[in-house]
Amino acid sequence: ARATAVEGADQWLSVMEKENLRLNEVIYGSLISSSRDAQLAERLLRRMTDTKLVPNVVNYTAVLTAYGRRGDFDKTTKLLEEMQQAEVLPNIISWNALLDSFVKGK
């Protein structure tokens, strides 16, 4: 049911874009955070940057957390490096997601 809800949210995002509604970091953040699918969360992050919005620590950390849950240390590490290159400072939750990915990946 949750996956269907996220897919539905992604569809509404498309509708909002077509209606030329102003989407912001909060809307994207809600969608990213609600996704348990790490790849979907990252696609939403990329979609956000494609629309010239600048992801913040909450947006990045939500994707880091999704990858951390599945134990994908490599992807979590790369995304954390990307975050730092974008001059977004990781917070304690960001670092915890990295550690979580390491522990779960073992």
N, C-alpha and C. Protein backbone atom coordinates (compact mmCIF):
# COMPACT_ATOMS: atom_id res chain seq x y z
N ALA A 1 0.82 -1.20 0.00
CA ALA A 1 0.00 0.00 0.00
C ALA A 1 0.87 1.26 0.00
N ARG A 2 1.96 1.22 0.78
CA ARG A 2 2.84 2.40 0.85
C ARG A 2 3.48 2.71 -0.50
N ALA A 3 3.91 1.66 -1.23
CA ALA A 3 4.52 1.88 -2.54
C ALA A 3 3.53 2.52 -3.49
N THR A 4 2.29 2.08 -3.42
CA THR A 4 1.24 2.65 -4.27
C THR A 4 1.02 4.12 -3.92
N ALA A 5 1.06 4.44 -2.63
CA ALA A 5 0.87 5.83 -2.21
C ALA A 5 2.00 6.71 -2.73
N VAL A 6 3.22 6.22 -2.69
CA VAL A 6 4.36 7.00 -3.19
C VAL A 6 4.26 7.17 -4.70
N GLU A 7 3.90 6.11 -5.40
CA GLU A 7 3.72 6.22 -6.84
C GLU A 7 2.62 7.23 -7.15
N GLY A 8 1.57 7.21 -6.35
CA GLY A 8 0.49 8.18 -6.52
C GLY A 8 0.98 9.59 -6.28
N ALA A 9 1.82 9.76 -5.27
CA ALA A 9 2.38 11.08 -4.98
C ALA A 9 3.24 11.55 -6.14
N ASP A 10 4.00 10.63 -6.73
CA ASP A 10 4.83 10.97 -7.89
C ASP A 10 3.94 11.40 -9.06
N GLN A 11 2.82 10.75 -9.23
CA GLN A 11 1.88 11.13 -10.29
C GLN A 11 1.31 12.51 -10.03
N TRP A 12 0.98 12.82 -8.77
CA TRP A 12 0.48 14.15 -8.45
C TRP A 12 1.54 15.21 -8.69
N LEU A 13 2.78 14.85 -8.45
CA LEU A 13 3.87 15.78 -8.72
C LEU A 13 3.88 16.13 -10.21
N SER A 14 3.69 15.14 -11.05
CA SER A 14 3.63 15.39 -12.50
C SER A 14 2.46 16.30 -12.85
N VAL A 15 1.33 16.06 -12.22
CA VAL A 15 0.15 16.91 -12.47
C VAL A 15 0.44 18.34 -12.05
N MET A 16 1.04 18.51 -10.88
CA MET A 16 1.36 19.87 -10.40
C MET A 16 2.31 20.57 -11.35
N GLU A 17 3.30 19.84 -11.87
CA GLU A 17 4.24 20.44 -12.83
C GLU A 17 3.52 20.86 -14.10
N LYS A 18 2.63 20.01 -14.59
CA LYS A 18 1.89 20.34 -15.81
C LYS A 18 0.99 21.55 -15.63
N GLU A 19 0.50 21.74 -14.40
CA GLU A 19 -0.36 22.88 -14.10
C GLU A 19 0.45 24.14 -13.76
N ASN A 20 1.79 24.02 -13.92
CA ASN A 20 2.70 25.13 -13.64
C ASN A 20 2.61 25.66 -12.21
N LEU A 21 2.34 24.75 -11.27
CA LEU A 21 2.34 25.14 -9.87
C LEU A 21 3.77 25.21 -9.37
N ARG A 22 4.04 26.12 -8.49
CA ARG A 22 5.39 26.32 -7.95
C ARG A 22 5.70 25.21 -6.96
N LEU A 23 6.61 24.35 -7.34
CA LEU A 23 7.05 23.28 -6.46
C LEU A 23 8.28 23.76 -5.71
N ASN A 24 8.42 23.34 -4.47
CA ASN A 24 9.56 23.80 -3.67
C ASN A 24 10.22 22.64 -2.95
N GLU A 25 11.24 22.99 -2.17
CA GLU A 25 12.02 21.99 -1.46
C GLU A 25 11.18 21.20 -0.46
N VAL A 26 10.15 21.83 0.09
CA VAL A 26 9.30 21.16 1.08
C VAL A 26 8.47 20.06 0.41
N ILE A 27 7.90 20.36 -0.74
CA ILE A 27 7.11 19.36 -1.46
C ILE A 27 8.00 18.19 -1.86
N TYR A 28 9.12 18.50 -2.46
CA TYR A 28 10.05 17.42 -2.84
C TYR A 28 10.53 16.66 -1.61
N GLY A 29 10.83 17.38 -0.54
CA GLY A 29 11.28 16.73 0.68
C GLY A 29 10.26 15.76 1.23
N SER A 30 9.00 16.13 1.18
CA SER A 30 7.93 15.23 1.65
C SER A 30 7.87 13.97 0.81
N LEU A 31 7.97 14.13 -0.50
CA LEU A 31 7.93 12.96 -1.38
C LEU A 31 9.15 12.06 -1.18
N ILE A 32 10.32 12.68 -1.09
CA ILE A 32 11.56 11.91 -0.91
C ILE A 32 11.52 11.17 0.42
N SER A 33 11.12 11.86 1.48
CA SER A 33 11.08 11.24 2.80
C SER A 33 10.07 10.12 2.90
N SER A 34 9.01 10.21 2.14
CA SER A 34 7.97 9.19 2.21
C SER A 34 8.34 7.93 1.43
N SER A 35 9.39 8.01 0.63
CA SER A 35 9.79 6.87 -0.18
C SER A 35 10.70 5.93 0.58
N ARG A 36 10.34 4.67 0.62
CA ARG A 36 11.21 3.66 1.20
C ARG A 36 12.10 3.06 0.11
N ASP A 37 11.80 3.37 -1.13
CA ASP A 37 12.58 2.89 -2.27
C ASP A 37 13.70 3.90 -2.54
N ALA A 38 14.92 3.48 -2.31
CA ALA A 38 16.07 4.38 -2.43
C ALA A 38 16.22 4.94 -3.85
N GLN A 39 15.98 4.10 -4.84
CA GLN A 39 16.13 4.57 -6.22
C GLN A 39 15.06 5.61 -6.57
N LEU A 40 13.84 5.41 -6.09
CA LEU A 40 12.79 6.40 -6.32
C LEU A 40 13.15 7.70 -5.60
N ALA A 41 13.64 7.60 -4.37
CA ALA A 41 14.04 8.79 -3.62
C ALA A 41 15.12 9.57 -4.37
N GLU A 42 16.10 8.84 -4.92
CA GLU A 42 17.15 9.52 -5.68
C GLU A 42 16.61 10.13 -6.97
N ARG A 43 15.71 9.43 -7.65
CA ARG A 43 15.10 10.00 -8.86
C ARG A 43 14.37 11.31 -8.54
N LEU A 44 13.67 11.33 -7.41
CA LEU A 44 12.98 12.56 -7.01
C LEU A 44 13.98 13.68 -6.70
N LEU A 45 15.10 13.33 -6.08
CA LEU A 45 16.15 14.32 -5.81
C LEU A 45 16.69 14.88 -7.13
N ARG A 46 16.93 14.00 -8.10
CA ARG A 46 17.43 14.44 -9.41
C ARG A 46 16.39 15.31 -10.13
N ARG A 47 15.15 14.91 -10.01
CA ARG A 47 14.07 15.69 -10.63
C ARG A 47 14.01 17.09 -10.02
N MET A 48 14.23 17.13 -8.73
CA MET A 48 14.26 18.41 -8.03
C MET A 48 15.36 19.31 -8.58
N THR A 49 16.57 18.76 -8.74
CA THR A 49 17.67 19.57 -9.26
C THR A 49 17.46 19.92 -10.74
N ASP A 50 16.79 19.04 -11.48
CA ASP A 50 16.49 19.34 -12.88
C ASP A 50 15.59 20.56 -13.02
N THR A 51 14.79 20.82 -11.99
CA THR A 51 13.90 21.98 -12.02
C THR A 51 14.54 23.21 -11.39
N LYS A 52 15.87 23.12 -11.19
CA LYS A 52 16.68 24.24 -10.68
C LYS A 52 16.47 24.54 -9.20
N LEU A 53 15.87 23.59 -8.47
CA LEU A 53 15.78 23.74 -7.02
C LEU A 53 17.05 23.18 -6.41
N VAL A 54 17.48 23.76 -5.33
CA VAL A 54 18.71 23.34 -4.67
C VAL A 54 18.34 22.48 -3.46
N PRO A 55 18.74 21.21 -3.50
CA PRO A 55 18.43 20.34 -2.36
C PRO A 55 19.12 20.82 -1.08
N ASN A 56 18.44 20.65 0.02
CA ASN A 56 19.01 21.02 1.31
C ASN A 56 19.40 19.76 2.08
N VAL A 57 19.88 19.93 3.29
CA VAL A 57 20.35 18.80 4.08
C VAL A 57 19.24 17.78 4.33
N VAL A 58 18.02 18.24 4.49
CA VAL A 58 16.89 17.33 4.72
C VAL A 58 16.64 16.48 3.48
N ASN A 59 16.68 17.09 2.31
CA ASN A 59 16.44 16.35 1.05
C ASN A 59 17.50 15.28 0.85
N TYR A 60 18.76 15.68 0.97
CA TYR A 60 19.85 14.72 0.79
C TYR A 60 19.80 13.61 1.84
N THR A 61 19.56 13.99 3.08
CA THR A 61 19.58 13.01 4.16
C THR A 61 18.45 11.99 4.01
N ALA A 62 17.32 12.39 3.47
CA ALA A 62 16.23 11.44 3.24
C ALA A 62 16.66 10.36 2.25
N VAL A 63 17.41 10.75 1.21
CA VAL A 63 17.90 9.76 0.24
C VAL A 63 18.99 8.91 0.88
N LEU A 64 19.89 9.55 1.64
CA LEU A 64 20.93 8.80 2.35
C LEU A 64 20.30 7.75 3.26
N THR A 65 19.26 8.12 3.96
CA THR A 65 18.58 7.21 4.87
C THR A 65 17.98 6.03 4.12
N ALA A 66 17.39 6.29 2.96
CA ALA A 66 16.81 5.21 2.16
C ALA A 66 17.88 4.22 1.71
N TYR A 67 19.02 4.72 1.25
CA TYR A 67 20.13 3.84 0.87
C TYR A 67 20.73 3.15 2.10
N GLY A 68 20.79 3.87 3.22
CA GLY A 68 21.32 3.30 4.44
C GLY A 68 20.50 2.12 4.93
N ARG A 69 19.17 2.22 4.81
CA ARG A 69 18.29 1.14 5.23
C ARG A 69 18.56 -0.15 4.48
N ARG A 70 18.96 -0.02 3.23
CA ARG A 70 19.20 -1.23 2.45
C ARG A 70 20.66 -1.67 2.46
N GLY A 71 21.48 -0.94 3.22
CA GLY A 71 22.87 -1.34 3.39
C GLY A 71 23.76 -1.07 2.20
N ASP A 72 23.40 -0.06 1.40
CA ASP A 72 24.19 0.27 0.21
C ASP A 72 25.24 1.32 0.56
N PHE A 73 26.36 0.84 1.13
CA PHE A 73 27.42 1.72 1.60
C PHE A 73 28.03 2.53 0.46
N ASP A 74 28.26 1.90 -0.68
CA ASP A 74 28.88 2.60 -1.81
C ASP A 74 28.01 3.77 -2.28
N LYS A 75 26.74 3.51 -2.45
CA LYS A 75 25.83 4.57 -2.93
C LYS A 75 25.69 5.67 -1.88
N THR A 76 25.62 5.28 -0.63
CA THR A 76 25.50 6.26 0.45
C THR A 76 26.75 7.14 0.50
N THR A 77 27.91 6.53 0.36
CA THR A 77 29.18 7.27 0.37
C THR A 77 29.24 8.26 -0.79
N LYS A 78 28.88 7.81 -1.99
CA LYS A 78 28.92 8.69 -3.17
C LYS A 78 27.95 9.86 -3.01
N LEU A 79 26.76 9.58 -2.49
CA LEU A 79 25.78 10.64 -2.32
C LEU A 79 26.23 11.64 -1.25
N LEU A 80 26.86 11.15 -0.20
CA LEU A 80 27.38 12.04 0.83
C LEU A 80 28.48 12.94 0.26
N GLU A 81 29.34 12.38 -0.58
CA GLU A 81 30.38 13.19 -1.24
C GLU A 81 29.75 14.24 -2.15
N GLU A 82 28.73 13.84 -2.90
CA GLU A 82 28.02 14.79 -3.78
C GLU A 82 27.41 15.92 -2.95
N MET A 83 26.84 15.55 -1.84
CA MET A 83 26.22 16.53 -0.94
C MET A 83 27.26 17.56 -0.48
N GLN A 84 28.43 17.08 -0.09
CA GLN A 84 29.49 17.98 0.36
C GLN A 84 30.02 18.84 -0.78
N GLN A 85 30.11 18.28 -1.99
CA GLN A 85 30.55 19.07 -3.14
C GLN A 85 29.56 20.18 -3.46
N ALA A 86 28.29 19.93 -3.16
CA ALA A 86 27.25 20.94 -3.38
C ALA A 86 27.21 21.94 -2.22
N GLU A 87 28.18 21.80 -1.30
CA GLU A 87 28.29 22.69 -0.15
C GLU A 87 27.08 22.62 0.78
N VAL A 88 26.51 21.41 0.88
CA VAL A 88 25.45 21.15 1.84
C VAL A 88 26.10 20.36 2.97
N LEU A 89 26.12 20.93 4.14
CA LEU A 89 26.80 20.30 5.27
C LEU A 89 25.96 19.17 5.86
N PRO A 90 26.54 17.98 5.95
CA PRO A 90 25.82 16.86 6.57
C PRO A 90 25.55 17.15 8.05
N ASN A 91 24.45 16.63 8.55
CA ASN A 91 24.17 16.73 9.97
C ASN A 91 24.33 15.35 10.62
N ILE A 92 24.02 15.25 11.87
CA ILE A 92 24.20 13.99 12.59
C ILE A 92 23.36 12.86 11.98
N ILE A 93 22.21 13.20 11.44
CA ILE A 93 21.35 12.19 10.82
C ILE A 93 21.97 11.70 9.51
N SER A 94 22.60 12.60 8.78
CA SER A 94 23.30 12.22 7.54
C SER A 94 24.40 11.22 7.84
N TRP A 95 25.23 11.54 8.84
CA TRP A 95 26.33 10.65 9.21
C TRP A 95 25.80 9.32 9.73
N ASN A 96 24.70 9.36 10.46
CA ASN A 96 24.11 8.13 10.98
C ASN A 96 23.63 7.24 9.84
N ALA A 97 23.10 7.83 8.78
CA ALA A 97 22.67 7.04 7.61
C ALA A 97 23.86 6.34 6.98
N LEU A 98 24.99 7.03 6.92
CA LEU A 98 26.21 6.41 6.38
C LEU A 98 26.63 5.23 7.26
N LEU A 99 26.64 5.42 8.55
CA LEU A 99 27.01 4.33 9.47
C LEU A 99 26.02 3.18 9.37
N ASP A 100 24.74 3.51 9.25
CA ASP A 100 23.71 2.48 9.11
C ASP A 100 23.95 1.64 7.87
N SER A 101 24.32 2.29 6.77
CA SER A 101 24.57 1.54 5.53
C SER A 101 25.76 0.62 5.68
N PHE A 102 26.77 1.07 6.42
CA PHE A 102 27.95 0.25 6.65
C PHE A 102 27.60 -0.99 7.48
N VAL A 103 26.87 -0.78 8.56
CA VAL A 103 26.50 -1.87 9.46
C VAL A 103 25.59 -2.88 8.74
N LYS A 104 24.60 -2.38 8.03
CA LYS A 104 23.64 -3.27 7.36
C LYS A 104 24.23 -3.93 6.13
N GLY A 105 25.28 -3.33 5.57
CA GLY A 105 25.92 -3.91 4.40
C GLY A 105 26.87 -5.03 4.73
N LYS A 106 27.19 -5.20 5.99
CA LYS A 106 28.14 -6.25 6.42
C LYS A 106 27.45 -7.59 6.45
